[in-house]
Amino acid sequence: MGDIVNLNKFRKQKSRATREKQAEENRVKFGQTKTQKKLNQTSADKAKSKLDRKKLDKPDEE
């Protein structure tokens, strides 16, 4: 005869494995460290500032 298996435990184990796999994919897809986020924000701010300094203001035409 085969071993007795508790189906509830089996389903829960399968569900946990599926959620963990999805979580790992999301970590790779969306994960950034705090320093990476700060570096990206700093470089974006620097680029915006550089662009604003080169901007020519046109006088209002009346």
C-alpha atoms as a PDB file:
ATOM      1  CA  MET A   1       0.000   0.000   0.000  1.00  0.00           C
ATOM      2  CA  GLY A   2       0.982   3.597  -0.490  1.00  0.00           C
ATOM      3  CA  ASP A   3       1.750   6.153   2.163  1.00  0.00           C
ATOM      4  CA  ILE A   4      -1.095   8.181   3.587  1.00  0.00           C
ATOM      5  CA  VAL A   5      -0.867  11.820   2.523  1.00  0.00           C
ATOM      6  CA  ASN A   6      -2.710  14.706   4.109  1.00  0.00           C
ATOM      7  CA  LEU A   7      -4.069  16.617   1.121  1.00  0.00           C
ATOM      8  CA  ASN A   8      -4.482  19.873   3.057  1.00  0.00           C
ATOM      9  CA  LYS A   9      -0.777  19.894   3.954  1.00  0.00           C
ATOM     10  CA  PHE A  10       0.126  19.012   0.380  1.00  0.00           C
ATOM     11  CA  ARG A  11      -1.991  21.883  -1.013  1.00  0.00           C
ATOM     12  CA  LYS A  12      -0.565  24.363   1.477  1.00  0.00           C
ATOM     13  CA  GLN A  13       2.988  23.280   0.681  1.00  0.00           C
ATOM     14  CA  LYS A  14       2.353  23.646  -3.043  1.00  0.00           C
ATOM     15  CA  SER A  15       0.776  27.063  -2.499  1.00  0.00           C
ATOM     16  CA  ARG A  16       3.758  28.244  -0.430  1.00  0.00           C
ATOM     17  CA  ALA A  17       6.172  27.087  -3.107  1.00  0.00           C
ATOM     18  CA  THR A  18       4.214  28.920  -5.802  1.00  0.00           C
ATOM     19  CA  ARG A  19       4.090  32.144  -3.761  1.00  0.00           C
ATOM     20  CA  GLU A  20       7.809  31.931  -2.986  1.00  0.00           C
ATOM     21  CA  LYS A  21       8.618  31.471  -6.677  1.00  0.00           C
ATOM     22  CA  GLN A  22       6.493  34.522  -7.561  1.00  0.00           C
ATOM     23  CA  ALA A  23       8.141  36.549  -4.784  1.00  0.00           C
ATOM     24  CA  GLU A  24      11.601  35.676  -6.091  1.00  0.00           C
ATOM     25  CA  GLU A  25      10.627  36.768  -9.607  1.00  0.00           C
ATOM     26  CA  ASN A  26       9.274  40.062  -8.229  1.00  0.00           C
ATOM     27  CA  ARG A  27      12.460  40.677  -6.236  1.00  0.00           C
ATOM     28  CA  VAL A  28      14.493  40.337  -9.401  1.00  0.00           C
ATOM     29  CA  LYS A  29      12.065  42.373 -11.482  1.00  0.00           C
ATOM     30  CA  PHE A  30      11.353  45.252  -9.111  1.00  0.00           C
ATOM     31  CA  GLY A  31      14.075  45.101  -6.491  1.00  0.00           C
ATOM     32  CA  GLN A  32      16.471  47.965  -6.008  1.00  0.00           C
ATOM     33  CA  THR A  33      18.527  48.754  -2.992  1.00  0.00           C
ATOM     34  CA  LYS A  34      18.124  52.043  -1.185  1.00  0.00           C
ATOM     35  CA  THR A  35      21.493  53.260  -2.468  1.00  0.00           C
ATOM     36  CA  GLN A  36      20.560  52.422  -6.056  1.00  0.00           C
ATOM     37  CA  LYS A  37      17.296  54.360  -5.733  1.00  0.00           C
ATOM     38  CA  LYS A  38      19.133  57.328  -4.211  1.00  0.00           C
ATOM     39  CA  LEU A  39      21.799  57.238  -6.940  1.00  0.00           C
ATOM     40  CA  ASN A  40      19.139  57.153  -9.672  1.00  0.00           C
ATOM     41  CA  GLN A  41      17.251  60.046  -8.058  1.00  0.00           C
ATOM     42  CA  THR A  42      20.439  62.096  -7.665  1.00  0.00           C
ATOM     43  CA  SER A  43      21.467  61.583 -11.278  1.00  0.00           C
ATOM     44  CA  ALA A  44      17.959  62.475 -12.487  1.00  0.00           C
ATOM     45  CA  ASP A  45      17.993  65.665 -10.389  1.00  0.00           C
ATOM     46  CA  LYS A  46      21.439  66.568 -11.703  1.00  0.00           C
ATOM     47  CA  ALA A  47      20.342  66.051 -15.319  1.00  0.00           C
ATOM     48  CA  LYS A  48      17.207  68.167 -14.776  1.00  0.00           C
ATOM     49  CA  SER A  49      19.245  70.920 -13.157  1.00  0.00           C
ATOM     50  CA  LYS A  50      21.746  70.872 -16.017  1.00  0.00           C
ATOM     51  CA  LEU A  51      18.941  71.125 -18.559  1.00  0.00           C
ATOM     52  CA  ASP A  52      17.280  73.989 -16.675  1.00  0.00           C
ATOM     53  CA  ARG A  53      20.538  75.957 -16.615  1.00  0.00           C
ATOM     54  CA  LYS A  54      20.794  75.717 -20.397  1.00  0.00           C
ATOM     55  CA  LYS A  55      17.200  76.765 -20.952  1.00  0.00           C
ATOM     56  CA  LEU A  56      16.628  80.086 -22.707  1.00  0.00           C
ATOM     57  CA  ASP A  57      13.825  82.216 -21.362  1.00  0.00           C
ATOM     58  CA  LYS A  58      11.843  84.013 -24.021  1.00  0.00           C
ATOM     59  CA  PRO A  59      10.441  87.424 -23.102  1.00  0.00           C
ATOM     60  CA  ASP A  60       6.685  87.784 -23.204  1.00  0.00           C
ATOM     61  CA  GLU A  61       5.485  89.223 -26.502  1.00  0.00           C
ATOM     62  CA  GLU A  62       2.933  91.990 -26.229  1.00  0.00           C
END
